[in-house]
Amino acid sequence: MESLKKQKIRKLSEDDLKRVKKFTTDAFSKIGSENYRQKLVYNLLNIVKANNQREFFWTLLRALNSQKADIKAKELVKELRNVYPVTSGDFEKLAYSVIMGIMSAKSE
């Protein structure tokens, strides 16, 4: 917890959110079926409603772990690492960018 407080929290820009959405769409085009992604979105929406950042990122990274060798999944994780930690208000924006990216993913 001490190290989390020492990390610099910065404000997310519109470009940050667009990049996260794009990387999420690219990564999730290879992850699971349409039904799997719908269930994941439902779970993530409930987590955002509870404003639980830790569970949101844990659930998201668990889904990405199935494709840990995929370059697009790695790019998304790298981008998330660049924007984390986020304020409570920015968390909601970031979470909805991720969710919109998952929803717009098409299976390859």
Protein backbone atom coordinates (compact mmCIF):
# COMPACT_ATOMS: atom_id res chain seq x y z
CA MET A 1 0.00 0.00 0.00
CA GLU A 2 2.89 2.32 0.77
CA SER A 3 4.29 2.03 -2.77
CA LEU A 4 0.87 2.79 -4.28
CA LYS A 5 0.76 6.11 -2.42
CA LYS A 6 4.19 7.03 -3.75
CA GLN A 7 3.15 6.51 -7.39
CA LYS A 8 2.21 9.69 -9.17
CA ILE A 9 -1.44 9.89 -10.11
CA ARG A 10 -1.93 11.85 -13.29
CA LYS A 11 -5.02 13.10 -15.07
CA LEU A 12 -6.15 10.99 -18.03
CA SER A 13 -6.40 12.74 -21.36
CA GLU A 14 -8.86 12.07 -24.14
CA ASP A 15 -6.01 10.51 -26.15
CA ASP A 16 -5.22 8.12 -23.28
CA LEU A 17 -8.82 6.93 -23.24
CA LYS A 18 -8.93 6.52 -27.03
CA ARG A 19 -5.70 4.48 -26.99
CA VAL A 20 -7.00 2.25 -24.21
CA LYS A 21 -10.23 1.63 -26.15
CA LYS A 22 -8.33 0.84 -29.36
CA PHE A 23 -5.89 -1.54 -27.62
CA THR A 24 -8.80 -3.22 -25.81
CA THR A 25 -10.69 -3.76 -29.05
CA ASP A 26 -7.59 -5.22 -30.71
CA ALA A 27 -6.76 -7.50 -27.78
CA PHE A 28 -10.27 -8.81 -27.23
CA SER A 29 -10.81 -9.67 -30.90
CA LYS A 30 -8.89 -12.88 -30.12
CA ILE A 31 -10.25 -13.55 -26.64
CA GLY A 32 -13.28 -15.75 -26.13
CA SER A 33 -16.59 -15.93 -27.88
CA GLU A 34 -19.21 -13.21 -28.17
CA ASN A 35 -21.03 -14.74 -25.19
CA TYR A 36 -17.84 -14.73 -23.12
CA ARG A 37 -17.25 -11.05 -23.89
CA GLN A 38 -20.87 -10.17 -23.04
CA LYS A 39 -20.58 -11.92 -19.68
CA LEU A 40 -17.27 -10.16 -19.01
CA VAL A 41 -18.80 -6.77 -19.86
CA TYR A 42 -21.72 -7.48 -17.52
CA ASN A 43 -19.32 -8.37 -14.69
CA LEU A 44 -17.13 -5.33 -15.34
CA LEU A 45 -20.15 -3.00 -15.36
CA ASN A 46 -21.20 -4.30 -11.94
CA ILE A 47 -17.67 -3.82 -10.63
CA VAL A 48 -17.57 -0.23 -11.94
CA LYS A 49 -20.92 0.44 -10.29
CA ALA A 50 -19.34 -0.63 -6.98
CA ASN A 51 -16.31 1.58 -7.79
CA ASN A 52 -13.89 -1.28 -7.06
CA GLN A 53 -10.69 -0.52 -9.02
CA ARG A 54 -8.78 -3.47 -7.64
CA GLU A 55 -11.42 -6.04 -8.66
CA PHE A 56 -11.89 -4.37 -12.07
CA PHE A 57 -8.21 -4.65 -12.96
CA TRP A 58 -7.95 -8.15 -11.48
CA THR A 59 -10.89 -9.35 -13.62
CA LEU A 60 -9.55 -7.63 -16.73
CA LEU A 61 -6.00 -8.96 -16.32
CA ARG A 62 -7.33 -12.45 -15.64
CA ALA A 63 -9.16 -12.34 -18.98
CA LEU A 64 -6.04 -11.04 -20.74
CA ASN A 65 -3.88 -13.74 -19.14
CA SER A 66 -5.41 -16.32 -21.47
CA GLN A 67 -3.64 -14.52 -24.33
CA LYS A 68 -0.42 -13.56 -22.58
CA ALA A 69 1.65 -14.51 -25.66
CA ASP A 70 -0.40 -12.23 -27.94
CA ILE A 71 1.29 -8.93 -28.80
CA LYS A 72 -2.02 -7.01 -28.76
CA ALA A 73 -2.78 -8.18 -25.22
CA LYS A 74 0.72 -7.12 -24.18
CA GLU A 75 0.17 -3.68 -25.72
CA LEU A 76 -3.04 -3.25 -23.73
CA VAL A 77 -1.36 -4.26 -20.48
CA LYS A 78 1.49 -1.83 -21.21
CA GLU A 79 -0.98 0.98 -21.87
CA LEU A 80 -2.87 0.20 -18.65
CA ARG A 81 0.42 0.26 -16.76
CA ASN A 82 1.13 3.72 -18.22
CA VAL A 83 -2.16 5.21 -17.00
CA TYR A 84 -2.40 3.45 -13.62
CA PRO A 85 -3.03 4.54 -10.85
CA VAL A 86 -6.02 6.74 -11.59
CA THR A 87 -8.32 8.94 -9.56
CA SER A 88 -11.82 7.74 -8.75
CA GLY A 89 -13.34 9.96 -11.45
CA ASP A 90 -10.79 8.91 -14.05
CA PHE A 91 -11.27 5.26 -13.08
CA GLU A 92 -14.86 5.43 -14.29
CA LYS A 93 -13.80 6.99 -17.61
CA LEU A 94 -11.02 4.41 -18.06
CA ALA A 95 -13.33 1.53 -17.14
CA TYR A 96 -15.96 2.60 -19.66
CA SER A 97 -13.28 2.96 -22.35
CA VAL A 98 -12.21 -0.63 -21.65
CA ILE A 99 -15.81 -1.85 -21.65
CA MET A 100 -16.57 -0.06 -24.94
CA GLY A 101 -13.43 -1.60 -26.43
CA ILE A 102 -14.55 -5.09 -25.41
CA MET A 103 -18.04 -4.46 -26.80
CA SER A 104 -16.66 -3.33 -30.16
CA ALA A 105 -14.32 -6.33 -30.54
CA LYS A 106 -15.19 -8.69 -33.36
CA SER A 107 -13.93 -12.26 -33.37
CA GLU A 108 -11.20 -12.92 -35.89
